[in-house]
Amino acid sequence: MSDLDLKAGEWVEVRPKEEILATLDSNGRLQELPFMPQMFQYCGKRFRVYKRAHKTCDTVNRPAGRTMPNAVHLEGMRCDGQAYGGCQALCLIFWKETWLKRVQAPYAQPAPASGPQPATCTEQQVLNGTVASGFKPGDPDPTYVCQATHLPAATAPLSPWNIRQYIEDYTSGNVGFWEIVRGFVYATYNNTINLGIGVGPILRWLYDLFQAGIGGIRYPRRYGTIPTGAKTPNATLNLQPGELVRIKRYAEILKTVDVGNRNRGLLFDAEMVPFCGSTYRVLKRVSRIINEKTGKMMAFKNDCIILDNVFCQSRYSEERHFCPRAIYSFWREVWLERVPVSEQEQAQAATGVPCGATGGLQGCSTGKVRA
């Protein structure tokens, strides 16, 4: 096994197809991590390391941390779902370091190619590995097997008290020093609030007071008041990719969710709170994703929205702080509002950048816009 000890920001080249196939078993996996068919298109190309994937979160069983050896995420590398029934979740792809080689710069001379190795897997076996035993690619209603559904098998449990993970978060370049400090302060404060000693409301009030003084984010774990099972508000904006929207304020969104923080079954998570009140561009309408627990395709009764660059930052996720997986958040249209055309026009006049122009997102609104 290759251990490159890659760090965030380093350049790598994806190894040739033949070299990668030689690392896979007959199910198209390395250390139980599936190599997915759409990953072949990146062979021979160069990318920067987004983050070291030494740990991740368990979305199959209970929410918890997991550890994975010798893996990274690459910048801009998300699953397109084409080999998985058109799943629209856009998950970050895991890359084993064995499938990569380090290069010093985007155009630097690559390291010498490895010598020929006997193939242990074929492209067809990789394709066959996208579905569970008993199914074939293209079968109706198959049980899919992807990196997300098979993640527990490719990882091991990781205790939140394992200090070495936080050291690696920092030394790998995944997380800055002060980000770690803020994370520990929040976790300690949050645990104190949840001790059940009757001081929770006071501590939340003090938290909000302090955050207001520094321009920070108010306490992110509050709950809606709509009874479970009662009808929650709906809105139909028919938002399309490329449109600019403003996420409503946290207090407004809480009025649209039940006591479990769900709107028609969709959870409004604490990780979504930092984005409230800011403006973003619609990336995709989502109507179907693979249920990671069952491997079955799941159709949404009500479409939801993915916003560009709006994903879980693992700031408030218990037992999995600083997880680098960056899962996109799903948004109901009732939590969003269109940015008025007049604001977009004012921003365009000030910057000279059309709001629909690629790379011009920073000039598309007088409010805060995240590209």
Protein backbone atom coordinates (compact mmCIF):
# COMPACT_ATOMS: atom_id res chain seq x y z
CA MET A 1 0.00 0.00 0.00
CA SER A 2 1.21 3.49 -0.88
CA ASP A 3 1.48 5.98 1.98
CA LEU A 4 2.19 9.40 0.49
CA ASP A 5 1.05 11.30 3.61
CA LEU A 6 -0.56 13.87 1.31
CA LYS A 7 -1.60 17.24 2.70
CA ALA A 8 -4.19 19.79 1.67
CA GLY A 9 -2.98 21.90 -1.26
CA GLU A 10 -0.49 19.39 -2.69
CA TRP A 11 -0.64 18.39 -6.37
CA VAL A 12 -1.20 14.81 -7.47
CA GLU A 13 -1.67 12.91 -10.70
CA VAL A 14 -4.18 10.09 -10.97
CA ARG A 15 -2.41 6.92 -12.04
CA PRO A 16 -3.16 5.21 -15.38
CA LYS A 17 -6.15 2.90 -15.56
CA GLU A 18 -4.03 -0.24 -15.80
CA GLU A 19 -2.11 0.59 -12.63
CA ILE A 20 -5.31 1.27 -10.71
CA LEU A 21 -6.98 -1.95 -11.89
CA ALA A 22 -3.97 -3.84 -10.57
CA THR A 23 -4.75 -2.56 -7.06
CA LEU A 24 -8.41 -3.69 -7.00
CA ASP A 25 -10.00 -6.94 -5.98
CA SER A 26 -12.61 -8.75 -8.10
CA ASN A 27 -15.33 -6.45 -6.71
CA GLY A 28 -13.48 -3.33 -7.82
CA ARG A 29 -12.41 -2.36 -4.30
CA LEU A 30 -9.23 -1.53 -2.44
CA GLN A 31 -9.37 -2.10 1.32
CA GLU A 32 -13.15 -2.35 0.79
CA LEU A 33 -13.34 1.14 -0.75
CA PRO A 34 -15.04 0.92 -4.17
CA PHE A 35 -13.30 2.47 -7.15
CA MET A 36 -16.30 3.88 -9.01
CA PRO A 37 -16.59 3.77 -12.82
CA GLN A 38 -16.75 7.56 -13.26
CA MET A 39 -13.32 7.86 -11.62
CA PHE A 40 -11.62 6.38 -14.69
CA GLN A 41 -12.14 9.64 -16.60
CA TYR A 42 -9.61 11.33 -14.31
CA CYS A 43 -6.74 8.94 -15.00
CA GLY A 44 -3.61 10.79 -16.06
CA LYS A 45 -5.00 14.17 -14.94
CA ARG A 46 -3.72 16.40 -12.17
CA PHE A 47 -5.55 17.85 -9.23
CA ARG A 48 -4.86 19.54 -5.94
CA VAL A 49 -5.64 17.76 -2.70
CA TYR A 50 -8.70 19.34 -1.11
CA LYS A 51 -8.33 17.64 2.26
CA ARG A 52 -6.84 14.54 3.77
CA ALA A 53 -9.65 12.00 4.26
CA HIS A 54 -8.11 10.37 7.32
CA LYS A 55 -11.56 10.51 8.93
CA THR A 56 -15.14 10.82 7.83
CA CYS A 57 -18.69 10.55 9.14
CA ASP A 58 -20.95 7.51 9.26
CA THR A 59 -24.18 8.25 7.39
CA VAL A 60 -25.17 4.59 7.17
CA ASN A 61 -25.48 3.74 10.85
CA ARG A 62 -25.69 6.21 13.69
CA PRO A 63 -23.96 9.59 13.20
CA ALA A 64 -20.41 9.09 14.40
CA GLY A 65 -16.81 9.45 13.31
CA ARG A 66 -14.93 6.84 11.26
CA THR A 67 -11.27 6.58 10.35
CA MET A 68 -9.87 5.64 6.92
CA PRO A 69 -6.22 4.96 6.08
CA ASN A 70 -4.31 6.50 3.18
CA ALA A 71 -7.08 8.50 1.49
CA VAL A 72 -7.74 12.05 0.32
CA HIS A 73 -10.41 14.18 -1.32
CA LEU A 74 -9.42 16.10 -4.45
CA GLU A 75 -10.60 19.60 -5.34
CA GLY A 76 -13.83 19.74 -7.32
CA MET A 77 -14.11 15.96 -7.45
CA ARG A 78 -17.69 14.90 -6.75
CA CYS A 79 -19.65 11.87 -7.90
CA ASP A 80 -21.84 12.61 -10.94
CA GLY A 81 -24.14 9.67 -10.18
CA GLN A 82 -24.13 8.41 -13.78
CA ALA A 83 -23.23 4.85 -12.80
CA TYR A 84 -25.74 4.93 -9.95
CA GLY A 85 -29.12 5.55 -11.51
CA GLY A 86 -28.63 9.30 -11.73
CA CYS A 87 -28.17 9.91 -8.01
CA GLN A 88 -27.99 13.68 -7.47
CA ALA A 89 -26.29 13.86 -4.06
CA LEU A 90 -22.93 15.02 -5.53
CA CYS A 91 -20.84 13.30 -2.84
CA LEU A 92 -17.12 13.99 -2.55
CA ILE A 93 -15.06 11.13 -3.96
CA PHE A 94 -12.53 9.27 -1.82
CA TRP A 95 -9.15 8.55 -3.43
CA LYS A 96 -6.72 6.04 -1.99
CA GLU A 97 -3.15 7.33 -2.13
CA THR A 98 -2.22 4.14 -4.01
CA TRP A 99 -4.25 5.48 -6.96
CA LEU A 100 -2.26 8.73 -7.00
CA LYS A 101 1.29 9.95 -7.39
CA ARG A 102 2.67 13.19 -6.04
CA VAL A 103 3.76 15.93 -8.46
CA GLN A 104 5.39 19.18 -7.45
CA ALA A 105 3.24 21.46 -9.60
CA PRO A 106 0.45 21.28 -12.22
CA TYR A 107 2.94 21.07 -15.08
CA ALA A 108 5.93 19.45 -13.40
CA GLN A 109 7.52 16.36 -14.86
CA PRO A 110 5.72 13.29 -13.46
CA ALA A 111 7.47 10.57 -11.55
CA PRO A 112 8.52 7.51 -13.58
CA ALA A 113 5.64 5.15 -14.29
CA SER A 114 5.39 1.97 -12.29
CA GLY A 115 6.41 -1.23 -13.99
CA PRO A 116 3.71 -3.45 -15.48
CA GLN A 117 1.62 -5.21 -12.86
CA PRO A 118 -0.72 -8.15 -13.30
CA ALA A 119 -4.35 -7.04 -13.51
CA THR A 120 -6.52 -8.30 -10.68
CA CYS A 121 -9.69 -6.57 -11.83
CA THR A 122 -11.34 -5.46 -15.08
CA GLU A 123 -13.42 -2.42 -15.99
CA GLN A 124 -16.46 -4.67 -16.28
CA GLN A 125 -15.91 -5.91 -12.73
CA VAL A 126 -15.72 -2.31 -11.53
CA LEU A 127 -19.05 -1.66 -13.27
CA ASN A 128 -20.53 -4.85 -11.84
CA GLY A 129 -19.44 -3.67 -8.40
CA THR A 130 -21.86 -0.73 -8.54
CA VAL A 131 -24.74 -3.04 -7.56
CA ALA A 132 -25.14 -5.64 -4.82
CA SER A 133 -24.83 -9.35 -5.44
CA GLY A 134 -27.87 -10.68 -7.25
CA PHE A 135 -28.28 -7.60 -9.42
CA LYS A 136 -26.73 -6.47 -12.70
CA PRO A 137 -26.05 -2.90 -13.86
CA GLY A 138 -29.21 -1.67 -15.55
CA ASP A 139 -31.59 -3.90 -13.58
CA PRO A 140 -34.77 -2.18 -12.39
CA ASP A 141 -34.64 -1.14 -8.73
CA PRO A 142 -31.17 -2.51 -7.93
CA THR A 143 -29.43 -2.18 -4.60
CA TYR A 144 -26.52 0.14 -5.33
CA VAL A 145 -23.04 -0.15 -3.85
CA CYS A 146 -20.99 3.05 -3.90
CA GLN A 147 -18.40 4.65 -1.68
CA ALA A 148 -21.12 6.18 0.49
CA THR A 149 -23.18 3.01 1.02
CA HIS A 150 -20.09 0.84 1.60
CA LEU A 151 -18.23 3.34 3.78
CA PRO A 152 -18.59 1.43 7.09
CA ALA A 153 -16.77 -1.55 5.55
CA ALA A 154 -13.90 0.68 4.38
CA THR A 155 -13.48 2.48 7.70
CA ALA A 156 -13.15 1.80 11.42
CA PRO A 157 -14.82 3.46 14.43
CA LEU A 158 -13.17 6.68 15.61
CA SER A 159 -13.73 7.93 19.15
CA PRO A 160 -14.21 11.68 19.53
CA TRP A 161 -11.74 11.43 22.43
CA ASN A 162 -8.95 10.22 20.13
CA ILE A 163 -6.65 13.25 20.28
CA ARG A 164 -4.43 12.06 17.41
CA GLN A 165 -7.20 12.80 14.90
CA TYR A 166 -7.15 16.50 15.82
CA ILE A 167 -3.38 16.62 15.55
CA GLU A 168 -3.70 15.15 12.05
CA ASP A 169 -6.48 17.63 11.24
CA TYR A 170 -3.94 20.38 11.86
CA THR A 171 -0.74 18.84 10.47
CA SER A 172 -2.50 17.76 7.26
CA GLY A 173 -3.64 21.31 6.57
CA ASN A 174 -7.30 20.34 6.83
CA VAL A 175 -8.05 22.73 9.66
CA GLY A 176 -6.34 25.85 11.01
CA PHE A 177 -5.23 26.23 14.62
CA TRP A 178 -7.84 28.79 15.64
CA GLU A 179 -10.56 26.81 13.90
CA ILE A 180 -9.68 23.87 16.13
CA VAL A 181 -9.68 26.10 19.21
CA ARG A 182 -13.11 27.51 18.34
CA GLY A 183 -14.40 23.99 17.72
CA PHE A 184 -13.26 22.77 21.14
CA VAL A 185 -14.70 25.85 22.88
CA TYR A 186 -18.07 25.30 21.20
CA ALA A 187 -18.10 21.56 21.97
CA THR A 188 -17.30 22.17 25.63
CA TYR A 189 -19.94 24.88 25.93
CA ASN A 190 -22.54 22.79 24.11
CA ASN A 191 -21.89 19.78 26.33
CA THR A 192 -22.36 22.00 29.38
CA ILE A 193 -25.67 23.29 28.02
CA ASN A 194 -26.88 19.72 27.54
CA LEU A 195 -25.95 18.48 31.00
CA GLY A 196 -29.54 18.94 32.13
CA ILE A 197 -28.68 21.04 35.19
CA GLY A 198 -31.22 23.76 34.44
CA VAL A 199 -28.83 26.44 33.17
CA GLY A 200 -29.25 25.74 29.47
CA PRO A 201 -31.42 28.80 28.69
CA ILE A 202 -29.03 31.12 30.51
CA LEU A 203 -25.99 29.65 28.76
CA ARG A 204 -27.69 29.95 25.37
CA TRP A 205 -28.52 33.58 26.12
CA LEU A 206 -24.91 34.29 27.12
CA TYR A 207 -23.69 32.50 23.96
CA ASP A 208 -25.92 34.68 21.77
CA LEU A 209 -24.86 37.84 23.64
CA PHE A 210 -21.18 37.08 23.13
CA GLN A 211 -21.65 36.16 19.46
CA ALA A 212 -23.62 39.35 18.82
CA GLY A 213 -20.72 41.34 20.25
CA ILE A 214 -18.19 39.78 17.87
CA GLY A 215 -20.50 39.48 14.86
CA GLY A 216 -20.67 35.72 15.18
CA ILE A 217 -23.38 33.10 14.73
CA ARG A 218 -26.04 32.63 17.40
CA TYR A 219 -26.43 29.28 19.15
CA PRO A 220 -27.14 26.82 16.30
CA ARG A 221 -29.15 24.14 18.12
CA ARG A 222 -32.67 25.44 18.55
CA TYR A 223 -35.89 23.72 17.60
CA GLY A 224 -39.11 24.49 15.77
CA THR A 225 -42.45 24.61 17.56
CA ILE A 226 -44.73 22.87 15.04
CA PRO A 227 -45.93 19.58 16.60
CA THR A 228 -44.59 16.36 15.10
CA GLY A 229 -47.00 15.12 12.43
CA ALA A 230 -48.57 18.54 11.91
CA LYS A 231 -48.43 20.15 8.49
CA THR A 232 -45.39 22.34 7.89
CA PRO A 233 -45.34 25.37 5.53
CA ASN A 234 -44.56 24.93 1.86
CA ALA A 235 -43.42 27.28 -0.90
CA THR A 236 -43.01 26.80 -4.63
CA LEU A 237 -40.44 29.10 -6.23
CA ASN A 238 -39.48 26.79 -9.12
CA LEU A 239 -35.85 27.79 -8.65
CA GLN A 240 -33.47 26.84 -11.44
CA PRO A 241 -29.68 26.31 -11.54
CA GLY A 242 -27.84 29.61 -11.77
CA GLU A 243 -30.44 31.72 -9.97
CA LEU A 244 -29.43 33.76 -6.95
CA VAL A 245 -31.28 33.22 -3.70
CA ARG A 246 -31.03 34.53 -0.19
CA ILE A 247 -31.33 32.05 2.66
CA LYS A 248 -33.84 33.30 5.20
CA ARG A 249 -32.83 34.23 8.72
CA TYR A 250 -32.50 31.42 11.25
CA ALA A 251 -35.48 32.65 13.28
CA GLU A 252 -37.68 32.64 10.16
CA ILE A 253 -36.67 29.10 9.23
CA LEU A 254 -37.43 27.81 12.74
CA LYS A 255 -41.06 28.84 12.16
CA THR A 256 -41.26 26.41 9.23
CA VAL A 257 -40.00 23.24 10.96
CA ASP A 258 -41.47 20.92 13.57
CA VAL A 259 -40.03 20.13 16.98
CA GLY A 260 -37.65 17.69 15.30
CA ASN A 261 -36.46 20.49 12.96
CA ARG A 262 -38.01 18.85 9.89
CA ASN A 263 -40.05 20.34 7.09
CA ARG A 264 -41.99 17.59 5.29
CA GLY A 265 -39.38 15.10 6.40
CA LEU A 266 -36.30 17.15 5.46
CA LEU A 267 -34.04 18.03 8.38
CA PHE A 268 -32.80 21.56 8.97
CA ASP A 269 -29.44 20.80 10.57
CA ALA A 270 -27.25 22.95 12.80
CA GLU A 271 -24.57 22.90 10.09
CA MET A 272 -26.94 24.96 7.90
CA VAL A 273 -27.22 27.82 10.41
CA PRO A 274 -23.95 29.63 9.42
CA PHE A 275 -25.34 30.17 5.91
CA CYS A 276 -28.58 31.85 7.02
CA GLY A 277 -29.04 35.41 5.84
CA SER A 278 -26.48 35.13 3.02
CA THR A 279 -26.87 34.91 -0.74
CA TYR A 280 -25.87 31.97 -2.92
CA ARG A 281 -26.40 30.56 -6.38
CA VAL A 282 -28.64 27.56 -7.04
CA LEU A 283 -26.49 24.63 -8.14
CA LYS A 284 -29.07 21.90 -8.69
CA ARG A 285 -32.65 20.80 -8.09
CA VAL A 286 -32.59 17.41 -6.39
CA SER A 287 -35.37 14.87 -6.83
CA ARG A 288 -33.57 11.53 -6.27
CA ILE A 289 -30.65 10.24 -4.24
CA ILE A 290 -29.45 6.84 -3.08
CA ASN A 291 -30.47 5.99 0.46
CA GLU A 292 -27.10 5.21 1.99
CA LYS A 293 -28.63 2.90 4.59
CA THR A 294 -30.39 0.64 2.06
CA GLY A 295 -28.61 1.27 -1.24
CA LYS A 296 -31.99 1.90 -2.87
CA MET A 297 -32.82 4.92 -5.03
CA MET A 298 -35.06 7.29 -3.11
CA ALA A 299 -37.31 9.82 -4.86
CA PHE A 300 -38.23 13.02 -3.02
CA LYS A 301 -41.92 13.78 -2.85
CA ASN A 302 -40.95 17.45 -2.91
CA ASP A 303 -37.86 18.62 -4.79
CA CYS A 304 -35.15 20.28 -2.74
CA ILE A 305 -32.30 22.57 -3.67
CA ILE A 306 -28.50 22.33 -3.52
CA LEU A 307 -26.71 25.68 -3.34
CA ASP A 308 -23.25 26.25 -4.76
CA ASN A 309 -20.52 25.82 -2.15
CA VAL A 310 -23.02 25.32 0.68
CA PHE A 311 -22.07 22.10 2.44
CA CYS A 312 -21.50 20.70 5.91
CA GLN A 313 -18.42 22.23 7.50
CA SER A 314 -18.66 19.99 10.57
CA ARG A 315 -18.54 22.94 12.96
CA TYR A 316 -21.33 21.73 15.22
CA SER A 317 -21.57 18.01 14.44
CA GLU A 318 -21.29 16.02 17.64
CA GLU A 319 -18.71 13.20 17.66
CA ARG A 320 -17.41 14.13 14.22
CA HIS A 321 -15.85 17.57 14.47
CA PHE A 322 -13.78 18.73 11.48
CA CYS A 323 -15.00 15.91 9.21
CA PRO A 324 -13.72 16.79 5.69
CA ARG A 325 -16.51 15.04 3.76
CA ALA A 326 -18.31 18.32 2.87
CA ILE A 327 -21.76 16.83 2.22
CA TYR A 328 -24.07 19.24 0.40
CA SER A 329 -27.00 20.58 2.42
CA PHE A 330 -30.51 20.13 1.02
CA TRP A 331 -32.81 23.17 1.18
CA ARG A 332 -36.57 23.53 0.95
CA GLU A 333 -37.72 26.44 -1.19
CA VAL A 334 -39.66 27.78 1.81
CA TRP A 335 -36.27 28.46 3.44
CA LEU A 336 -35.12 30.55 0.46
CA GLU A 337 -36.13 33.74 -1.34
CA ARG A 338 -35.16 35.08 -4.74
CA VAL A 339 -32.75 38.00 -4.81
CA PRO A 340 -34.64 40.96 -6.35
CA VAL A 341 -33.54 41.80 -9.88
CA SER A 342 -32.90 45.39 -8.80
CA GLU A 343 -30.22 44.23 -6.34
CA GLN A 344 -28.56 42.12 -9.01
CA GLU A 345 -28.58 45.04 -11.45
CA GLN A 346 -27.04 47.34 -8.84
CA ALA A 347 -24.29 44.84 -8.18
CA GLN A 348 -23.64 44.43 -11.89
CA ALA A 349 -23.44 48.19 -12.38
CA ALA A 350 -20.95 48.48 -9.53
CA THR A 351 -18.73 45.59 -10.62
CA GLY A 352 -19.31 45.30 -14.35
CA VAL A 353 -19.75 41.54 -13.90
CA PRO A 354 -23.02 40.01 -15.20
CA CYS A 355 -24.69 37.91 -12.54
CA GLY A 356 -24.94 34.95 -14.87
CA ALA A 357 -21.28 35.06 -15.85
CA THR A 358 -19.09 32.17 -14.85
CA GLY A 359 -16.74 33.21 -12.08
CA GLY A 360 -18.65 36.43 -11.46
CA LEU A 361 -20.50 35.34 -8.37
CA GLN A 362 -18.82 37.74 -6.01
CA GLY A 363 -20.37 40.69 -7.84
CA CYS A 364 -23.93 39.47 -8.16
CA SER A 365 -25.46 40.90 -5.03
CA THR A 366 -25.14 43.78 -2.65
CA GLY A 367 -25.38 41.23 0.15
CA LYS A 368 -22.91 38.50 1.04
CA VAL A 369 -22.47 36.13 -1.85
CA ARG A 370 -20.61 32.85 -1.58
CA ALA A 371 -19.17 31.36 -4.74
